[in-house]
C-alpha cells in the first residue's frame, strides 16, 4: 500500500495505460514520490461530483506548485489543513463551537475535536463566513465542486 508523508493511504487509479496516485500531503511529497518511482507529476481533476479522475491542467497545480485546489464558485473557499490560513479559521471555528456548547475548560483548551478528528481536514467558507469542516475525500462530492489534486503517473507494467 502506498502512503503519503503523513502515512495516509494514497488513492490509486488506472487511467488508460497509466496508474495515477493522488492524496499527497504536499507538492514536495508528490515530487519525491515521482522521483523515487520514476513517475511524472500530473494534475488530476474530479469535476463531476464523483470519484472519476481525469488528467487535466485546468487549475495549474504544477505551475503553481500546489497539491490540492477546489473550485465551487466565487462564493466558496476551501482551505486545506496545509494552507497558511487554516489555523486561523480552525481556531475561530472552535471558538464558535465552544460558545454553542458548554464545554468544560479541559475540552475548550486541550482538544479541538471536530478538526483534529477529521482526516485531512478542509474548512469550507461561503461568502466569508465559516460553513463547515469536511475531509479532502468528501470535498469531491460537495457544492458541485471541481477538485484538483497533484498526482504521480506511472506506466502500467
N, C-alpha and C. Protein backbone atom coordinates (compact mmCIF):
# COMPACT_ATOMS: atom_id res chain seq x y z
N UNK A 1 0.85 -1.18 0.00
CA UNK A 1 0.00 0.00 0.00
C UNK A 1 0.89 1.24 0.00
N UNK A 2 0.61 2.16 -0.88
CA UNK A 2 1.35 3.42 -0.97
C UNK A 2 0.79 4.41 0.04
N UNK A 3 1.67 5.21 0.63
CA UNK A 3 1.22 6.22 1.59
C UNK A 3 1.90 7.55 1.30
N UNK A 4 1.31 8.63 1.83
CA UNK A 4 1.89 9.97 1.67
C UNK A 4 2.84 10.25 2.84
N UNK A 5 3.30 11.47 2.96
CA UNK A 5 4.27 11.83 4.00
C UNK A 5 3.69 11.69 5.41
N UNK A 6 2.37 11.68 5.56
CA UNK A 6 1.75 11.53 6.87
C UNK A 6 1.24 10.12 7.08
N UNK A 7 1.74 9.18 6.29
CA UNK A 7 1.37 7.77 6.37
C UNK A 7 -0.11 7.52 6.08
N UNK A 8 -0.73 8.42 5.33
CA UNK A 8 -2.12 8.21 4.92
C UNK A 8 -2.10 7.49 3.58
N UNK A 9 -3.09 6.64 3.38
CA UNK A 9 -3.16 5.86 2.16
C UNK A 9 -3.37 6.75 0.93
N UNK A 10 -2.60 6.50 -0.10
CA UNK A 10 -2.78 7.22 -1.37
C UNK A 10 -3.90 6.56 -2.15
N UNK A 11 -4.56 7.34 -2.99
CA UNK A 11 -5.58 6.80 -3.89
C UNK A 11 -4.90 6.35 -5.17
N UNK A 12 -5.29 5.20 -5.67
CA UNK A 12 -4.70 4.63 -6.88
C UNK A 12 -5.78 4.50 -7.94
N UNK A 13 -5.49 5.03 -9.12
CA UNK A 13 -6.44 4.97 -10.23
C UNK A 13 -5.74 4.41 -11.46
N UNK A 14 -6.45 3.62 -12.23
CA UNK A 14 -5.95 3.16 -13.53
C UNK A 14 -6.65 3.98 -14.59
N UNK A 15 -5.87 4.76 -15.33
CA UNK A 15 -6.40 5.61 -16.39
C UNK A 15 -5.71 5.23 -17.68
N UNK A 16 -6.41 4.49 -18.52
CA UNK A 16 -5.82 4.06 -19.78
C UNK A 16 -4.60 3.20 -19.53
N UNK A 17 -3.47 3.63 -20.07
CA UNK A 17 -2.23 2.85 -19.95
C UNK A 17 -1.35 3.31 -18.80
N UNK A 18 -1.94 4.04 -17.85
CA UNK A 18 -1.14 4.53 -16.73
C UNK A 18 -1.83 4.29 -15.39
N UNK A 19 -1.03 4.28 -14.35
CA UNK A 19 -1.51 4.22 -12.98
C UNK A 19 -1.21 5.57 -12.37
N UNK A 20 -2.21 6.17 -11.74
CA UNK A 20 -2.05 7.51 -11.16
C UNK A 20 -2.36 7.44 -9.67
N UNK A 21 -1.47 8.01 -8.87
CA UNK A 21 -1.66 8.11 -7.43
C UNK A 21 -1.99 9.55 -7.06
N UNK A 22 -2.96 9.73 -6.16
CA UNK A 22 -3.30 11.05 -5.61
C UNK A 22 -3.37 10.93 -4.10
N UNK A 23 -3.56 12.06 -3.44
CA UNK A 23 -3.69 12.08 -1.99
C UNK A 23 -2.42 12.51 -1.28
N UNK A 24 -1.54 13.18 -2.01
CA UNK A 24 -0.27 13.61 -1.42
C UNK A 24 -0.48 14.75 -0.45
N UNK A 25 0.34 14.77 0.60
CA UNK A 25 0.24 15.77 1.65
C UNK A 25 0.75 17.13 1.22
N UNK A 26 1.59 17.15 0.19
CA UNK A 26 2.17 18.40 -0.28
C UNK A 26 2.69 18.19 -1.69
N UNK A 27 3.00 19.27 -2.34
CA UNK A 27 3.59 19.20 -3.67
C UNK A 27 4.94 18.50 -3.60
N UNK A 28 5.73 18.83 -2.57
CA UNK A 28 7.05 18.21 -2.40
C UNK A 28 6.95 16.72 -2.18
N UNK A 29 5.92 16.29 -1.46
CA UNK A 29 5.67 14.86 -1.24
C UNK A 29 5.45 14.15 -2.58
N UNK A 30 4.65 14.76 -3.45
CA UNK A 30 4.39 14.19 -4.77
C UNK A 30 5.67 14.18 -5.62
N UNK A 31 6.43 15.27 -5.56
CA UNK A 31 7.70 15.33 -6.30
C UNK A 31 8.64 14.21 -5.86
N UNK A 32 8.74 14.00 -4.56
CA UNK A 32 9.62 12.96 -4.03
C UNK A 32 9.17 11.58 -4.50
N UNK A 33 7.87 11.34 -4.49
CA UNK A 33 7.34 10.06 -4.95
C UNK A 33 7.63 9.86 -6.44
N UNK A 34 7.41 10.90 -7.23
CA UNK A 34 7.66 10.80 -8.68
C UNK A 34 9.14 10.50 -8.94
N UNK A 35 10.01 11.17 -8.21
CA UNK A 35 11.45 10.95 -8.39
C UNK A 35 11.84 9.53 -7.98
N UNK A 36 11.32 9.09 -6.84
CA UNK A 36 11.65 7.76 -6.31
C UNK A 36 11.18 6.65 -7.25
N UNK A 37 9.99 6.81 -7.81
CA UNK A 37 9.39 5.76 -8.64
C UNK A 37 9.63 5.96 -10.14
N UNK A 38 10.26 7.08 -10.52
CA UNK A 38 10.46 7.34 -11.93
C UNK A 38 9.16 7.72 -12.63
N UNK A 39 8.26 8.36 -11.90
CA UNK A 39 6.97 8.77 -12.46
C UNK A 39 6.98 10.22 -12.89
N UNK A 40 5.82 10.67 -13.31
CA UNK A 40 5.64 12.04 -13.79
C UNK A 40 4.55 12.71 -12.98
N UNK A 41 4.76 13.98 -12.62
CA UNK A 41 3.71 14.74 -11.95
C UNK A 41 2.62 15.08 -12.95
N UNK A 42 1.37 14.90 -12.53
CA UNK A 42 0.21 15.25 -13.35
C UNK A 42 -0.82 15.92 -12.46
N UNK A 43 -1.68 16.70 -13.07
CA UNK A 43 -2.82 17.27 -12.36
C UNK A 43 -4.02 16.38 -12.64
N UNK A 44 -4.73 16.03 -11.58
CA UNK A 44 -5.89 15.16 -11.71
C UNK A 44 -7.12 15.95 -11.28
N UNK A 45 -8.13 15.96 -12.14
CA UNK A 45 -9.36 16.69 -11.85
C UNK A 45 -10.51 15.74 -11.56
N UNK A 46 -11.28 16.08 -10.55
CA UNK A 46 -12.53 15.39 -10.23
C UNK A 46 -13.59 16.46 -10.43
N UNK A 47 -14.22 16.45 -11.61
CA UNK A 47 -15.05 17.59 -11.99
C UNK A 47 -16.52 17.29 -12.11
N UNK A 48 -16.93 16.06 -11.78
CA UNK A 48 -18.33 15.71 -12.00
C UNK A 48 -19.07 15.33 -10.72
N UNK A 49 -18.52 15.68 -9.56
CA UNK A 49 -19.18 15.35 -8.30
C UNK A 49 -19.02 13.90 -7.90
N UNK A 50 -18.13 13.20 -8.55
CA UNK A 50 -17.87 11.80 -8.25
C UNK A 50 -16.37 11.55 -8.21
N UNK A 51 -16.03 10.32 -7.96
CA UNK A 51 -14.62 9.93 -7.89
C UNK A 51 -14.16 9.43 -9.26
N UNK A 52 -14.35 10.28 -10.28
CA UNK A 52 -13.96 9.94 -11.65
C UNK A 52 -12.82 10.86 -12.08
N UNK A 53 -11.58 10.43 -11.88
CA UNK A 53 -10.44 11.30 -12.18
C UNK A 53 -10.18 11.45 -13.67
N UNK A 54 -9.68 12.61 -14.02
CA UNK A 54 -9.25 12.89 -15.40
C UNK A 54 -7.97 13.70 -15.32
N UNK A 55 -7.03 13.41 -16.21
CA UNK A 55 -5.82 14.20 -16.30
C UNK A 55 -6.19 15.54 -16.93
N UNK A 56 -5.73 16.63 -16.34
CA UNK A 56 -6.08 17.96 -16.82
C UNK A 56 -4.96 18.93 -16.46
N UNK A 57 -5.12 20.18 -16.86
CA UNK A 57 -4.20 21.23 -16.41
C UNK A 57 -4.99 22.50 -16.08
N UNK A 58 -6.31 22.33 -15.88
CA UNK A 58 -7.22 23.46 -15.65
C UNK A 58 -6.82 24.34 -14.47
N UNK A 59 -6.41 23.75 -13.36
CA UNK A 59 -6.12 24.52 -12.14
C UNK A 59 -4.68 24.99 -12.09
N UNK A 60 -3.83 24.49 -12.96
CA UNK A 60 -2.43 24.92 -12.98
C UNK A 60 -1.64 24.51 -11.75
N UNK A 61 -1.96 23.35 -11.17
CA UNK A 61 -1.28 22.92 -9.95
C UNK A 61 0.22 22.77 -10.12
N UNK A 62 0.65 22.24 -11.25
CA UNK A 62 2.08 22.03 -11.46
C UNK A 62 2.81 23.36 -11.55
N UNK A 63 2.27 24.29 -12.31
CA UNK A 63 2.91 25.61 -12.44
C UNK A 63 2.94 26.35 -11.10
N UNK A 64 1.86 26.20 -10.32
CA UNK A 64 1.75 26.90 -9.04
C UNK A 64 2.38 26.13 -7.89
N UNK A 65 2.80 24.89 -8.18
CA UNK A 65 3.39 24.01 -7.16
C UNK A 65 2.43 23.79 -5.98
N UNK A 66 1.16 23.53 -6.31
CA UNK A 66 0.13 23.22 -5.32
C UNK A 66 -0.21 21.74 -5.38
N UNK A 67 -0.69 21.20 -4.28
CA UNK A 67 -1.07 19.79 -4.29
C UNK A 67 -2.58 19.58 -4.28
N UNK A 68 -3.35 20.66 -4.02
CA UNK A 68 -4.79 20.49 -3.87
C UNK A 68 -5.47 21.84 -4.08
N UNK A 69 -6.58 21.83 -4.81
CA UNK A 69 -7.35 23.05 -5.03
C UNK A 69 -8.79 22.65 -5.32
N UNK A 70 -9.73 23.43 -4.78
CA UNK A 70 -11.15 23.20 -5.04
C UNK A 70 -11.78 24.48 -5.56
N UNK A 71 -12.62 24.33 -6.59
CA UNK A 71 -13.40 25.46 -7.08
C UNK A 71 -14.87 25.06 -7.05
N UNK A 72 -15.68 25.83 -6.30
CA UNK A 72 -17.11 25.57 -6.21
C UNK A 72 -17.91 26.84 -6.43
N UNK A 73 -17.32 27.78 -7.13
CA UNK A 73 -17.98 29.06 -7.37
C UNK A 73 -17.30 30.15 -6.57
N UNK A 74 -17.56 31.39 -6.96
CA UNK A 74 -16.90 32.54 -6.33
C UNK A 74 -17.23 32.69 -4.85
N UNK A 75 -18.41 32.22 -4.43
CA UNK A 75 -18.80 32.42 -3.04
C UNK A 75 -18.13 31.44 -2.07
N UNK A 76 -17.53 30.38 -2.61
CA UNK A 76 -16.92 29.36 -1.75
C UNK A 76 -15.41 29.42 -1.77
N UNK A 77 -14.84 29.10 -0.60
CA UNK A 77 -13.40 28.95 -0.47
C UNK A 77 -13.16 27.69 0.36
N UNK A 78 -12.28 26.82 -0.11
CA UNK A 78 -11.94 25.60 0.59
C UNK A 78 -10.51 25.76 1.08
N UNK A 79 -10.31 25.64 2.40
CA UNK A 79 -8.99 25.85 2.97
C UNK A 79 -8.49 24.53 3.54
N UNK A 80 -7.43 24.02 2.93
CA UNK A 80 -6.85 22.75 3.33
C UNK A 80 -6.00 22.91 4.58
N UNK A 81 -5.86 21.85 5.35
CA UNK A 81 -5.11 21.91 6.61
C UNK A 81 -3.65 22.33 6.41
N UNK A 82 -3.12 22.20 5.21
CA UNK A 82 -1.74 22.63 4.96
C UNK A 82 -1.65 24.09 4.51
N UNK A 83 -2.79 24.73 4.26
CA UNK A 83 -2.80 26.12 3.81
C UNK A 83 -2.43 27.06 4.96
N UNK A 84 -1.75 28.17 4.66
CA UNK A 84 -1.31 29.09 5.71
C UNK A 84 -2.43 29.63 6.59
N UNK A 85 -3.61 29.90 6.07
CA UNK A 85 -4.69 30.48 6.86
C UNK A 85 -5.52 29.48 7.64
N UNK A 86 -5.21 28.20 7.51
CA UNK A 86 -6.04 27.16 8.12
C UNK A 86 -6.18 27.33 9.63
N UNK A 87 -5.08 27.53 10.32
CA UNK A 87 -5.10 27.59 11.79
C UNK A 87 -5.99 28.71 12.29
N UNK A 88 -5.96 29.86 11.59
CA UNK A 88 -6.81 31.00 11.99
C UNK A 88 -8.28 30.60 11.93
N UNK A 89 -8.69 29.98 10.83
CA UNK A 89 -10.09 29.58 10.69
C UNK A 89 -10.44 28.45 11.64
N UNK A 90 -9.51 27.52 11.86
CA UNK A 90 -9.76 26.42 12.79
C UNK A 90 -9.99 26.95 14.20
N UNK A 91 -9.17 27.90 14.62
CA UNK A 91 -9.33 28.48 15.95
C UNK A 91 -10.66 29.22 16.07
N UNK A 92 -11.02 29.95 15.02
CA UNK A 92 -12.29 30.69 15.02
C UNK A 92 -13.47 29.72 15.07
N UNK A 93 -13.39 28.66 14.30
CA UNK A 93 -14.46 27.67 14.30
C UNK A 93 -14.58 27.00 15.67
N UNK A 94 -13.47 26.70 16.29
CA UNK A 94 -13.50 26.09 17.62
C UNK A 94 -14.14 27.03 18.63
N UNK A 95 -13.86 28.32 18.56
CA UNK A 95 -14.48 29.28 19.47
C UNK A 95 -15.99 29.32 19.28
N UNK A 96 -16.44 29.30 18.03
CA UNK A 96 -17.88 29.30 17.74
C UNK A 96 -18.52 28.05 18.32
N UNK A 97 -17.91 26.90 18.08
CA UNK A 97 -18.47 25.64 18.57
C UNK A 97 -18.51 25.60 20.10
N UNK A 98 -17.48 26.11 20.75
CA UNK A 98 -17.46 26.06 22.21
C UNK A 98 -18.48 27.02 22.81
N UNK A 99 -18.82 28.10 22.12
CA UNK A 99 -19.87 29.01 22.60
C UNK A 99 -21.24 28.36 22.45
N UNK A 100 -21.41 27.55 21.39
CA UNK A 100 -22.69 26.90 21.17
C UNK A 100 -22.93 25.77 22.16
N UNK A 101 -21.86 25.12 22.61
CA UNK A 101 -21.96 24.02 23.55
C UNK A 101 -21.23 24.42 24.82
N UNK A 102 -21.65 23.93 25.91
CA UNK A 102 -20.98 24.22 27.16
C UNK A 102 -19.89 23.17 27.41
N UNK A 103 -18.70 23.47 26.93
CA UNK A 103 -17.58 22.58 27.15
C UNK A 103 -16.90 22.91 28.48
N UNK A 104 -16.33 21.91 29.09
CA UNK A 104 -15.52 22.14 30.28
C UNK A 104 -14.23 22.84 29.84
N UNK A 105 -13.50 23.48 30.76
CA UNK A 105 -12.24 24.13 30.38
C UNK A 105 -11.26 23.18 29.70
N UNK A 106 -11.23 21.91 30.15
CA UNK A 106 -10.33 20.93 29.53
C UNK A 106 -10.71 20.72 28.06
N UNK A 107 -12.00 20.59 27.81
CA UNK A 107 -12.44 20.37 26.44
C UNK A 107 -12.16 21.59 25.56
N UNK A 108 -12.34 22.78 26.12
CA UNK A 108 -12.11 24.00 25.33
C UNK A 108 -10.65 24.17 24.94
N UNK A 109 -9.75 23.85 25.86
CA UNK A 109 -8.35 24.21 25.62
C UNK A 109 -7.43 23.04 25.30
N UNK A 110 -7.85 21.83 25.57
CA UNK A 110 -6.97 20.70 25.33
C UNK A 110 -7.32 19.90 24.08
N UNK A 111 -8.51 20.05 23.58
CA UNK A 111 -8.91 19.25 22.43
C UNK A 111 -9.68 20.10 21.43
N UNK A 112 -9.38 19.86 20.19
CA UNK A 112 -10.07 20.52 19.10
C UNK A 112 -10.75 19.39 18.32
N UNK A 113 -11.81 18.82 18.91
CA UNK A 113 -12.37 17.56 18.48
C UNK A 113 -12.70 17.48 17.00
N UNK A 114 -13.54 18.35 16.53
CA UNK A 114 -14.04 18.22 15.16
C UNK A 114 -12.92 18.34 14.14
N UNK A 115 -12.02 19.27 14.32
CA UNK A 115 -10.97 19.48 13.34
C UNK A 115 -9.87 18.44 13.48
N UNK A 116 -9.49 18.11 14.71
CA UNK A 116 -8.41 17.15 14.91
C UNK A 116 -8.82 15.76 14.43
N UNK A 117 -10.10 15.42 14.55
CA UNK A 117 -10.53 14.08 14.21
C UNK A 117 -10.93 13.92 12.75
N UNK A 118 -11.02 14.98 12.02
CA UNK A 118 -11.33 14.88 10.60
C UNK A 118 -10.04 14.58 9.86
N UNK A 119 -10.03 13.49 9.10
CA UNK A 119 -8.82 13.14 8.37
C UNK A 119 -8.58 14.14 7.26
N UNK A 120 -7.39 14.72 7.25
CA UNK A 120 -7.00 15.69 6.23
C UNK A 120 -8.08 16.76 6.09
N UNK A 121 -8.32 17.54 7.14
CA UNK A 121 -9.48 18.44 7.18
C UNK A 121 -9.42 19.60 6.19
N UNK A 122 -10.61 19.97 5.74
CA UNK A 122 -10.83 21.09 4.84
C UNK A 122 -11.90 21.96 5.49
N UNK A 123 -11.64 23.26 5.60
CA UNK A 123 -12.64 24.20 6.10
C UNK A 123 -13.32 24.82 4.88
N UNK A 124 -14.65 24.82 4.91
CA UNK A 124 -15.43 25.39 3.81
C UNK A 124 -15.97 26.74 4.27
N UNK A 125 -15.69 27.76 3.46
CA UNK A 125 -16.13 29.13 3.75
C UNK A 125 -17.06 29.56 2.62
N UNK A 126 -18.21 30.12 2.99
CA UNK A 126 -19.15 30.63 2.00
C UNK A 126 -19.36 32.11 2.29
N UNK A 127 -19.12 32.94 1.29
CA UNK A 127 -19.28 34.38 1.43
C UNK A 127 -18.59 34.91 2.69
N UNK A 128 -17.36 34.50 2.90
CA UNK A 128 -16.51 34.93 4.01
C UNK A 128 -17.02 34.51 5.39
N UNK A 129 -17.90 33.53 5.46
CA UNK A 129 -18.39 33.00 6.74
C UNK A 129 -18.09 31.51 6.79
N UNK A 130 -17.64 31.04 7.96
CA UNK A 130 -17.36 29.63 8.14
C UNK A 130 -18.63 28.83 7.93
N UNK A 131 -18.55 27.81 7.09
CA UNK A 131 -19.72 26.98 6.84
C UNK A 131 -19.60 25.60 7.47
N UNK A 132 -18.48 24.92 7.23
CA UNK A 132 -18.35 23.57 7.75
C UNK A 132 -16.90 23.10 7.67
N UNK A 133 -16.68 21.92 8.24
CA UNK A 133 -15.40 21.24 8.12
C UNK A 133 -15.70 19.91 7.45
N UNK A 134 -14.89 19.55 6.50
CA UNK A 134 -15.09 18.30 5.79
C UNK A 134 -13.73 17.65 5.58
N UNK A 135 -13.72 16.52 4.93
CA UNK A 135 -12.46 15.86 4.60
C UNK A 135 -12.12 16.13 3.14
N UNK A 136 -10.88 15.91 2.82
CA UNK A 136 -10.43 16.10 1.44
C UNK A 136 -11.21 15.18 0.49
N UNK A 137 -11.45 13.95 0.91
CA UNK A 137 -12.17 13.00 0.07
C UNK A 137 -13.62 13.44 -0.15
N UNK A 138 -14.28 13.91 0.90
CA UNK A 138 -15.68 14.34 0.78
C UNK A 138 -15.83 15.61 -0.02
N UNK A 139 -14.78 16.42 -0.12
CA UNK A 139 -14.89 17.67 -0.87
C UNK A 139 -15.23 17.41 -2.33
N UNK A 140 -14.94 16.22 -2.83
CA UNK A 140 -15.26 15.87 -4.22
C UNK A 140 -16.76 15.85 -4.48
N UNK A 141 -17.55 15.66 -3.43
CA UNK A 141 -18.98 15.47 -3.58
C UNK A 141 -19.80 16.68 -3.12
N UNK A 142 -19.16 17.75 -2.67
CA UNK A 142 -19.86 18.90 -2.11
C UNK A 142 -20.01 20.05 -3.10
N UNK A 143 -21.10 20.75 -3.04
CA UNK A 143 -21.29 22.05 -3.70
C UNK A 143 -20.98 22.04 -5.20
N UNK A 144 -21.14 20.91 -5.84
CA UNK A 144 -20.80 20.80 -7.26
C UNK A 144 -19.36 21.25 -7.50
N UNK A 145 -18.50 20.92 -6.57
CA UNK A 145 -17.11 21.37 -6.61
C UNK A 145 -16.31 20.64 -7.67
N UNK A 146 -15.34 21.36 -8.19
CA UNK A 146 -14.32 20.77 -9.05
C UNK A 146 -13.07 20.68 -8.18
N UNK A 147 -12.61 19.47 -7.95
CA UNK A 147 -11.47 19.23 -7.07
C UNK A 147 -10.28 18.83 -7.94
N UNK A 148 -9.15 19.45 -7.64
CA UNK A 148 -7.93 19.17 -8.38
C UNK A 148 -6.85 18.74 -7.40
N UNK A 149 -6.14 17.67 -7.72
CA UNK A 149 -5.06 17.17 -6.88
C UNK A 149 -3.84 16.90 -7.73
N UNK A 150 -2.68 17.05 -7.10
CA UNK A 150 -1.46 16.67 -7.79
C UNK A 150 -1.39 15.15 -7.75
N UNK A 151 -0.91 14.57 -8.82
CA UNK A 151 -0.79 13.12 -8.88
C UNK A 151 0.54 12.72 -9.44
N UNK A 152 0.84 11.44 -9.28
CA UNK A 152 2.04 10.86 -9.87
C UNK A 152 1.57 9.77 -10.82
N UNK A 153 2.00 9.89 -12.06
CA UNK A 153 1.62 8.95 -13.10
C UNK A 153 2.78 7.99 -13.37
N UNK A 154 2.44 6.70 -13.44
CA UNK A 154 3.41 5.67 -13.78
C UNK A 154 2.82 4.81 -14.88
N UNK A 155 3.65 4.33 -15.80
CA UNK A 155 3.11 3.46 -16.83
C UNK A 155 2.71 2.11 -16.22
N UNK A 156 1.64 1.51 -16.77
CA UNK A 156 1.29 0.17 -16.33
C UNK A 156 2.39 -0.77 -16.75
N UNK A 157 2.69 -1.72 -15.91
CA UNK A 157 3.76 -2.68 -16.24
C UNK A 157 3.28 -3.78 -17.14
